[in-house]
Amino acid sequence: MSEQPDGSYPRINGKVLKSGEYVNKIVSLVGKVEVFDGTSIQLTCSDGVIASVQCETDAEVMQGSTYELIGLSNDNGTLQLFVSRELTQDMDVDLYNRMILDVQHNPKFSGYFLPA
């Protein structure tokens, strides 16, 4: 894995995860847990794309809830879960996705999202 500053990780959506742009990088993915079978999660990401997330059997997620999932982006377009953070049910995932597309990945603003 190439060098990545501690505590710094890009916020991405499902399309970006599947593109392979951040392979072998720690990333943050937000979405709703559709299925949790004890070893994997099917997540509807902020952009509506379904992503597969591998996790340990003791992962603390509930089906139907919205989470920020932080983990390693794999070369097969999946995420290996490290940390999950439950978000409120009124989380505006559409607005979050717009922030990713229109602000974070816009060259005009990208400097604000670089590690310090």
C-alpha atoms as a PDB file:
ATOM      1  CA  MET A   1       0.000   0.000   0.000  1.00  0.00           C
ATOM      2  CA  SER A   2       1.376   3.435  -0.879  1.00  0.00           C
ATOM      3  CA  GLU A   3       1.992   6.008   1.842  1.00  0.00           C
ATOM      4  CA  GLN A   4      -1.125   7.595   3.318  1.00  0.00           C
ATOM      5  CA  PRO A   5      -0.990  10.133   6.173  1.00  0.00           C
ATOM      6  CA  ASP A   6      -2.391   8.860   9.478  1.00  0.00           C
ATOM      7  CA  GLY A   7      -5.974   9.942  10.103  1.00  0.00           C
ATOM      8  CA  SER A   8      -6.486  11.150   6.551  1.00  0.00           C
ATOM      9  CA  TYR A   9      -8.781   9.344   4.153  1.00  0.00           C
ATOM     10  CA  PRO A  10     -10.893  10.425   1.200  1.00  0.00           C
ATOM     11  CA  ARG A  11     -14.675  10.373   1.349  1.00  0.00           C
ATOM     12  CA  ILE A  12     -15.961   8.501  -1.665  1.00  0.00           C
ATOM     13  CA  ASN A  13     -19.190   7.114  -3.100  1.00  0.00           C
ATOM     14  CA  GLY A  14     -19.962   3.717  -4.626  1.00  0.00           C
ATOM     15  CA  LYS A  15     -19.027   4.707  -8.166  1.00  0.00           C
ATOM     16  CA  VAL A  16     -15.608   5.908  -7.035  1.00  0.00           C
ATOM     17  CA  LEU A  17     -15.092   2.725  -4.970  1.00  0.00           C
ATOM     18  CA  LYS A  18     -15.843   0.545  -7.986  1.00  0.00           C
ATOM     19  CA  SER A  19     -13.632   2.678 -10.270  1.00  0.00           C
ATOM     20  CA  GLY A  20     -10.500   1.529  -8.476  1.00  0.00           C
ATOM     21  CA  GLU A  21      -9.220   5.081  -8.059  1.00  0.00           C
ATOM     22  CA  TYR A  22      -8.356   4.471  -4.395  1.00  0.00           C
ATOM     23  CA  VAL A  23      -7.230   0.811  -4.449  1.00  0.00           C
ATOM     24  CA  ASN A  24      -5.182  -0.055  -1.357  1.00  0.00           C
ATOM     25  CA  LYS A  25      -6.145   3.222   0.322  1.00  0.00           C
ATOM     26  CA  ILE A  26      -8.214   3.758   3.447  1.00  0.00           C
ATOM     27  CA  VAL A  27     -11.470   5.467   2.468  1.00  0.00           C
ATOM     28  CA  SER A  28     -14.807   6.512   3.949  1.00  0.00           C
ATOM     29  CA  LEU A  29     -18.069   5.304   2.406  1.00  0.00           C
ATOM     30  CA  VAL A  30     -21.540   6.439   3.541  1.00  0.00           C
ATOM     31  CA  GLY A  31     -24.748   4.554   2.930  1.00  0.00           C
ATOM     32  CA  LYS A  32     -27.601   2.412   4.189  1.00  0.00           C
ATOM     33  CA  VAL A  33     -27.033  -1.203   5.196  1.00  0.00           C
ATOM     34  CA  GLU A  34     -29.376  -3.311   3.086  1.00  0.00           C
ATOM     35  CA  VAL A  35     -28.062  -6.767   4.038  1.00  0.00           C
ATOM     36  CA  PHE A  36     -25.726  -7.902   6.814  1.00  0.00           C
ATOM     37  CA  ASP A  37     -25.065 -11.643   6.898  1.00  0.00           C
ATOM     38  CA  GLY A  38     -22.356 -11.696   9.573  1.00  0.00           C
ATOM     39  CA  THR A  39     -19.352 -11.614   7.214  1.00  0.00           C
ATOM     40  CA  SER A  40     -20.400  -9.119   4.549  1.00  0.00           C
ATOM     41  CA  ILE A  41     -22.545  -6.027   4.123  1.00  0.00           C
ATOM     42  CA  GLN A  42     -24.485  -4.872   1.083  1.00  0.00           C
ATOM     43  CA  LEU A  43     -24.493  -1.088   1.303  1.00  0.00           C
ATOM     44  CA  THR A  44     -26.566   1.317  -0.781  1.00  0.00           C
ATOM     45  CA  CYS A  45     -24.051   4.148  -1.077  1.00  0.00           C
ATOM     46  CA  SER A  46     -24.832   7.861  -1.132  1.00  0.00           C
ATOM     47  CA  ASP A  47     -24.961   7.742  -4.952  1.00  0.00           C
ATOM     48  CA  GLY A  48     -27.331   4.745  -5.036  1.00  0.00           C
ATOM     49  CA  VAL A  49     -24.639   2.250  -6.086  1.00  0.00           C
ATOM     50  CA  ILE A  50     -24.668  -1.071  -4.193  1.00  0.00           C
ATOM     51  CA  ALA A  51     -21.270  -1.855  -2.664  1.00  0.00           C
ATOM     52  CA  SER A  52     -20.007  -5.038  -1.041  1.00  0.00           C
ATOM     53  CA  VAL A  53     -18.161  -4.678   2.248  1.00  0.00           C
ATOM     54  CA  GLN A  54     -16.258  -7.511   3.915  1.00  0.00           C
ATOM     55  CA  CYS A  55     -16.317  -7.463   7.699  1.00  0.00           C
ATOM     56  CA  GLU A  56     -15.612  -9.502  10.805  1.00  0.00           C
ATOM     57  CA  THR A  57     -18.439 -11.444  12.428  1.00  0.00           C
ATOM     58  CA  ASP A  58     -18.468  -8.997  15.355  1.00  0.00           C
ATOM     59  CA  ALA A  59     -19.130  -5.938  13.152  1.00  0.00           C
ATOM     60  CA  GLU A  60     -21.609  -3.624  14.838  1.00  0.00           C
ATOM     61  CA  VAL A  61     -24.048  -2.702  12.081  1.00  0.00           C
ATOM     62  CA  MET A  62     -27.813  -3.031  11.817  1.00  0.00           C
ATOM     63  CA  GLN A  63     -29.743  -3.663   8.654  1.00  0.00           C
ATOM     64  CA  GLY A  64     -31.728  -0.573   7.597  1.00  0.00           C
ATOM     65  CA  SER A  65     -29.454   1.931   9.362  1.00  0.00           C
ATOM     66  CA  THR A  66     -27.159   4.516   7.770  1.00  0.00           C
ATOM     67  CA  TYR A  67     -23.417   4.338   8.453  1.00  0.00           C
ATOM     68  CA  GLU A  68     -20.067   5.793   7.635  1.00  0.00           C
ATOM     69  CA  LEU A  69     -17.866   2.776   6.916  1.00  0.00           C
ATOM     70  CA  ILE A  70     -14.112   3.299   6.976  1.00  0.00           C
ATOM     71  CA  GLY A  71     -11.879   0.664   5.499  1.00  0.00           C
ATOM     72  CA  LEU A  72      -9.470  -0.473   2.825  1.00  0.00           C
ATOM     73  CA  SER A  73     -10.532  -0.160  -0.813  1.00  0.00           C
ATOM     74  CA  ASN A  74      -9.797  -3.471  -2.545  1.00  0.00           C
ATOM     75  CA  ASP A  75      -8.831  -4.019  -6.179  1.00  0.00           C
ATOM     76  CA  ASN A  76     -12.108  -5.882  -6.807  1.00  0.00           C
ATOM     77  CA  GLY A  77     -14.227  -2.791  -6.026  1.00  0.00           C
ATOM     78  CA  THR A  78     -15.115  -3.841  -2.473  1.00  0.00           C
ATOM     79  CA  LEU A  79     -14.286  -2.442   0.949  1.00  0.00           C
ATOM     80  CA  GLN A  80     -12.629  -4.254   3.875  1.00  0.00           C
ATOM     81  CA  LEU A  81     -14.275  -2.730   6.957  1.00  0.00           C
ATOM     82  CA  PHE A  82     -12.160  -1.315   9.774  1.00  0.00           C
ATOM     83  CA  VAL A  83     -14.553   1.075  11.562  1.00  0.00           C
ATOM     84  CA  SER A  84     -18.306   1.730  11.398  1.00  0.00           C
ATOM     85  CA  ARG A  85     -20.061   4.839  12.669  1.00  0.00           C
ATOM     86  CA  GLU A  86     -23.837   4.905  12.803  1.00  0.00           C
ATOM     87  CA  LEU A  87     -25.363   8.113  11.449  1.00  0.00           C
ATOM     88  CA  THR A  88     -28.784   9.586  12.141  1.00  0.00           C
ATOM     89  CA  GLN A  89     -31.771   8.351  10.171  1.00  0.00           C
ATOM     90  CA  ASP A  90     -32.316  11.855   8.788  1.00  0.00           C
ATOM     91  CA  MET A  91     -28.818  11.932   7.234  1.00  0.00           C
ATOM     92  CA  ASP A  92     -29.202  13.579   3.824  1.00  0.00           C
ATOM     93  CA  VAL A  93     -27.192  11.150   1.688  1.00  0.00           C
ATOM     94  CA  ASP A  94     -28.061  13.039  -1.510  1.00  0.00           C
ATOM     95  CA  LEU A  95     -26.506  16.220  -0.108  1.00  0.00           C
ATOM     96  CA  TYR A  96     -23.503  14.195   1.098  1.00  0.00           C
ATOM     97  CA  ASN A  97     -23.051  12.761  -2.394  1.00  0.00           C
ATOM     98  CA  ARG A  98     -23.218  16.258  -3.903  1.00  0.00           C
ATOM     99  CA  MET A  99     -20.477  17.351  -1.481  1.00  0.00           C
ATOM    100  CA  ILE A 100     -18.289  14.490  -2.720  1.00  0.00           C
ATOM    101  CA  LEU A 101     -18.904  15.265  -6.399  1.00  0.00           C
ATOM    102  CA  ASP A 102     -19.221  19.056  -6.450  1.00  0.00           C
ATOM    103  CA  VAL A 103     -16.817  20.054  -3.698  1.00  0.00           C
ATOM    104  CA  GLN A 104     -14.300  17.412  -2.641  1.00  0.00           C
ATOM    105  CA  HIS A 105     -13.484  16.217  -6.169  1.00  0.00           C
ATOM    106  CA  ASN A 106     -13.623  19.720  -7.693  1.00  0.00           C
ATOM    107  CA  PRO A 107     -10.089  21.039  -8.370  1.00  0.00           C
ATOM    108  CA  LYS A 108     -11.223  24.474  -7.171  1.00  0.00           C
ATOM    109  CA  PHE A 109     -11.813  23.123  -3.637  1.00  0.00           C
ATOM    110  CA  SER A 110      -9.628  20.002  -3.488  1.00  0.00           C
ATOM    111  CA  GLY A 111      -6.932  21.759  -1.448  1.00  0.00           C
ATOM    112  CA  TYR A 112      -9.328  21.950   1.490  1.00  0.00           C
ATOM    113  CA  PHE A 113      -9.464  18.155   1.632  1.00  0.00           C
ATOM    114  CA  LEU A 114      -5.735  17.461   1.716  1.00  0.00           C
ATOM    115  CA  PRO A 115      -4.039  16.265   4.910  1.00  0.00           C
ATOM    116  CA  ALA A 116      -2.536  19.018   7.040  1.00  0.00           C
END
